[in-house]
C-alpha atoms as a PDB file:
ATOM      1  CA  UNK A   1     138.442  31.395  35.136  1.00  0.00           C
ATOM      2  CA  UNK A   2     141.133  33.525  33.507  1.00  0.00           C
ATOM      3  CA  UNK A   3     140.908  35.373  30.236  1.00  0.00           C
ATOM      4  CA  UNK A   4     143.601  36.301  27.757  1.00  0.00           C
ATOM      5  CA  UNK A   5     144.457  39.984  27.412  1.00  0.00           C
ATOM      6  CA  UNK A   6     144.821  41.077  23.787  1.00  0.00           C
ATOM      7  CA  UNK A   7     146.490  44.254  22.602  1.00  0.00           C
ATOM      8  CA  UNK A   8     143.728  46.583  21.488  1.00  0.00           C
ATOM      9  CA  UNK A   9     145.741  49.574  20.301  1.00  0.00           C
ATOM     10  CA  UNK A  10     149.416  49.998  19.468  1.00  0.00           C
ATOM     11  CA  UNK A  11     149.442  53.734  18.793  1.00  0.00           C
ATOM     12  CA  UNK A  12     147.494  55.476  21.551  1.00  0.00           C
ATOM     13  CA  UNK A  13     147.508  55.648  25.300  1.00  0.00           C
ATOM     14  CA  UNK A  14     144.175  54.410  26.636  1.00  0.00           C
ATOM     15  CA  UNK A  15     143.063  56.549  29.574  1.00  0.00           C
ATOM     16  CA  UNK A  16     139.550  55.205  30.192  1.00  0.00           C
ATOM     17  CA  UNK A  17     137.104  52.632  28.877  1.00  0.00           C
ATOM     18  CA  UNK A  18     133.548  51.345  28.983  1.00  0.00           C
ATOM     19  CA  UNK A  19     132.789  47.660  28.446  1.00  0.00           C
ATOM     20  CA  UNK A  20     130.106  46.264  26.156  1.00  0.00           C
ATOM     21  CA  UNK A  21     129.044  42.790  25.066  1.00  0.00           C
ATOM     22  CA  UNK A  22     130.834  43.305  21.730  1.00  0.00           C
ATOM     23  CA  UNK A  23     133.995  44.981  23.108  1.00  0.00           C
ATOM     24  CA  UNK A  24     135.085  48.343  24.475  1.00  0.00           C
ATOM     25  CA  UNK A  25     134.854  52.075  23.969  1.00  0.00           C
ATOM     26  CA  UNK A  26     138.363  53.379  24.651  1.00  0.00           C
ATOM     27  CA  UNK A  27     139.102  57.001  25.541  1.00  0.00           C
ATOM     28  CA  UNK A  28     142.499  57.930  24.086  1.00  0.00           C
ATOM     29  CA  UNK A  29     145.098  60.620  24.581  1.00  0.00           C
ATOM     30  CA  UNK A  30     144.507  61.916  21.028  1.00  0.00           C
ATOM     31  CA  UNK A  31     140.957  63.109  21.788  1.00  0.00           C
ATOM     32  CA  UNK A  32     139.289  60.122  20.145  1.00  0.00           C
ATOM     33  CA  UNK A  33     137.056  57.333  21.424  1.00  0.00           C
ATOM     34  CA  UNK A  34     137.834  54.079  19.626  1.00  0.00           C
ATOM     35  CA  UNK A  35     135.300  51.247  19.476  1.00  0.00           C
ATOM     36  CA  UNK A  36     137.253  47.988  19.570  1.00  0.00           C
ATOM     37  CA  UNK A  37     136.099  44.381  19.723  1.00  0.00           C
ATOM     38  CA  UNK A  38     137.101  41.917  22.403  1.00  0.00           C
ATOM     39  CA  UNK A  39     139.983  40.634  20.277  1.00  0.00           C
ATOM     40  CA  UNK A  40     141.180  44.005  18.994  1.00  0.00           C
ATOM     41  CA  UNK A  41     138.910  44.297  15.932  1.00  0.00           C
ATOM     42  CA  UNK A  42     138.376  47.962  15.067  1.00  0.00           C
ATOM     43  CA  UNK A  43     134.705  48.954  14.760  1.00  0.00           C
ATOM     44  CA  UNK A  44     134.615  52.726  14.770  1.00  0.00           C
ATOM     45  CA  UNK A  45     135.699  56.052  16.167  1.00  0.00           C
ATOM     46  CA  UNK A  46     134.294  59.249  17.634  1.00  0.00           C
ATOM     47  CA  UNK A  47     136.443  62.380  17.700  1.00  0.00           C
ATOM     48  CA  UNK A  48     135.653  64.200  20.936  1.00  0.00           C
ATOM     49  CA  UNK A  49     138.064  67.126  21.162  1.00  0.00           C
ATOM     50  CA  UNK A  50     141.691  68.160  20.795  1.00  0.00           C
ATOM     51  CA  UNK A  51     142.523  67.054  24.338  1.00  0.00           C
ATOM     52  CA  UNK A  52     142.811  63.649  25.939  1.00  0.00           C
ATOM     53  CA  UNK A  53     139.612  61.770  26.808  1.00  0.00           C
ATOM     54  CA  UNK A  54     139.959  61.300  30.554  1.00  0.00           C
ATOM     55  CA  UNK A  55     136.657  59.688  31.513  1.00  0.00           C
ATOM     56  CA  UNK A  56     133.726  57.856  29.907  1.00  0.00           C
ATOM     57  CA  UNK A  57     130.316  56.935  31.250  1.00  0.00           C
ATOM     58  CA  UNK A  58     127.751  54.990  29.214  1.00  0.00           C
ATOM     59  CA  UNK A  59     124.105  54.436  30.162  1.00  0.00           C
ATOM     60  CA  UNK A  60     122.957  51.173  28.572  1.00  0.00           C
ATOM     61  CA  UNK A  61     119.279  51.972  29.099  1.00  0.00           C
ATOM     62  CA  UNK A  62     119.240  55.273  27.207  1.00  0.00           C
ATOM     63  CA  UNK A  63     122.314  54.878  24.991  1.00  0.00           C
ATOM     64  CA  UNK A  64     123.803  58.080  26.388  1.00  0.00           C
ATOM     65  CA  UNK A  65     127.570  58.526  26.514  1.00  0.00           C
ATOM     66  CA  UNK A  66     129.304  61.239  28.547  1.00  0.00           C
ATOM     67  CA  UNK A  67     132.955  61.967  27.788  1.00  0.00           C
ATOM     68  CA  UNK A  68     135.208  64.277  29.812  1.00  0.00           C
ATOM     69  CA  UNK A  69     138.387  65.778  28.374  1.00  0.00           C
ATOM     70  CA  UNK A  70     141.595  67.042  29.906  1.00  0.00           C
ATOM     71  CA  UNK A  71     140.712  70.543  28.660  1.00  0.00           C
ATOM     72  CA  UNK A  72     137.666  70.885  30.913  1.00  0.00           C
ATOM     73  CA  UNK A  73     134.951  69.758  28.522  1.00  0.00           C
ATOM     74  CA  UNK A  74     132.152  67.310  29.200  1.00  0.00           C
ATOM     75  CA  UNK A  75     130.330  66.215  26.059  1.00  0.00           C
ATOM     76  CA  UNK A  76     127.061  64.261  26.123  1.00  0.00           C
ATOM     77  CA  UNK A  77     126.212  62.017  23.163  1.00  0.00           C
ATOM     78  CA  UNK A  78     122.984  60.203  22.309  1.00  0.00           C
ATOM     79  CA  UNK A  79     122.993  56.913  20.387  1.00  0.00           C
ATOM     80  CA  UNK A  80     119.262  56.153  20.438  1.00  0.00           C
ATOM     81  CA  UNK A  81     118.915  56.864  16.688  1.00  0.00           C
ATOM     82  CA  UNK A  82     120.947  53.910  15.404  1.00  0.00           C
ATOM     83  CA  UNK A  83     121.621  52.619  11.918  1.00  0.00           C
ATOM     84  CA  UNK A  84     119.761  49.783  10.179  1.00  0.00           C
ATOM     85  CA  UNK A  85     119.214  46.711  12.364  1.00  0.00           C
ATOM     86  CA  UNK A  86     120.167  48.686  15.493  1.00  0.00           C
ATOM     87  CA  UNK A  87     123.854  48.906  14.590  1.00  0.00           C
ATOM     88  CA  UNK A  88     126.030  51.372  16.482  1.00  0.00           C
ATOM     89  CA  UNK A  89     128.548  51.764  13.633  1.00  0.00           C
ATOM     90  CA  UNK A  90     127.776  52.593  10.009  1.00  0.00           C
ATOM     91  CA  UNK A  91     128.471  49.716   7.639  1.00  0.00           C
ATOM     92  CA  UNK A  92     131.068  50.630   5.007  1.00  0.00           C
ATOM     93  CA  UNK A  93     128.938  48.868   2.394  1.00  0.00           C
ATOM     94  CA  UNK A  94     125.890  51.024   3.212  1.00  0.00           C
ATOM     95  CA  UNK A  95     127.156  54.549   2.612  1.00  0.00           C
ATOM     96  CA  UNK A  96     123.550  55.644   2.028  1.00  0.00           C
ATOM     97  CA  UNK A  97     122.875  55.437   5.768  1.00  0.00           C
ATOM     98  CA  UNK A  98     122.527  58.953   7.134  1.00  0.00           C
ATOM     99  CA  UNK A  99     124.573  59.778  10.211  1.00  0.00           C
ATOM    100  CA  UNK A 100     122.562  61.230  13.127  1.00  0.00           C
ATOM    101  CA  UNK A 101     125.090  64.092  13.467  1.00  0.00           C
ATOM    102  CA  UNK A 102     126.520  65.449  10.205  1.00  0.00           C
ATOM    103  CA  UNK A 103     128.929  67.732  12.076  1.00  0.00           C
ATOM    104  CA  UNK A 104     130.572  64.962  14.114  1.00  0.00           C
ATOM    105  CA  UNK A 105     133.801  63.281  13.028  1.00  0.00           C
ATOM    106  CA  UNK A 106     132.611  59.721  13.475  1.00  0.00           C
ATOM    107  CA  UNK A 107     131.245  56.609  11.812  1.00  0.00           C
ATOM    108  CA  UNK A 108     129.047  55.838  14.818  1.00  0.00           C
ATOM    109  CA  UNK A 109     125.416  56.595  15.648  1.00  0.00           C
ATOM    110  CA  UNK A 110     126.420  59.113  18.320  1.00  0.00           C
ATOM    111  CA  UNK A 111     124.901  62.581  18.162  1.00  0.00           C
ATOM    112  CA  UNK A 112     126.408  65.473  20.120  1.00  0.00           C
ATOM    113  CA  UNK A 113     123.513  66.756  22.275  1.00  0.00           C
ATOM    114  CA  UNK A 114     125.116  68.895  24.990  1.00  0.00           C
ATOM    115  CA  UNK A 115     128.492  70.362  25.910  1.00  0.00           C
ATOM    116  CA  UNK A 116     129.830  71.802  29.118  1.00  0.00           C
ATOM    117  CA  UNK A 117     133.053  73.790  29.443  1.00  0.00           C
ATOM    118  CA  UNK A 118     134.599  74.347  32.853  1.00  0.00           C
ATOM    119  CA  UNK A 119     137.312  77.030  32.996  1.00  0.00           C
ATOM    120  CA  UNK A 120     139.019  78.112  36.204  1.00  0.00           C
ATOM    121  CA  UNK A 121     137.566  81.372  37.494  1.00  0.00           C
ATOM    122  CA  UNK A 122     134.494  81.278  35.227  1.00  0.00           C
ATOM    123  CA  UNK A 123     130.938  80.021  35.461  1.00  0.00           C
ATOM    124  CA  UNK A 124     130.360  76.793  33.497  1.00  0.00           C
ATOM    125  CA  UNK A 125     129.508  77.381  29.849  1.00  0.00           C
ATOM    126  CA  UNK A 126     126.732  75.143  28.514  1.00  0.00           C
ATOM    127  CA  UNK A 127     125.518  74.740  24.941  1.00  0.00           C
END
């Protein structure tokens, strides 16, 4: 059985992706992870860093997302504390819903829980 490929983004270069039942998480060259539906519907975004998102890994059991950037960062996110009805993305109609991470540039349930920075000639920095 063949499926139809739909354009999911006309403005960014997609460098990596993770698949879900509802669509994809797409790591882009602008340092953002876009959450897009199977037919290109935009669900949400997560700004990772200033550099390109080169790799994504999602654990469905724990809801943990690891994103690696071209600038040597690995960022670990937790999505276990979701919005009402287990939604991953905040509903625009329900602005009262508190985001799990007030410092993150996102409309998702992801919370930044750990960062690693790998620079040539230095020990890894972890915070």
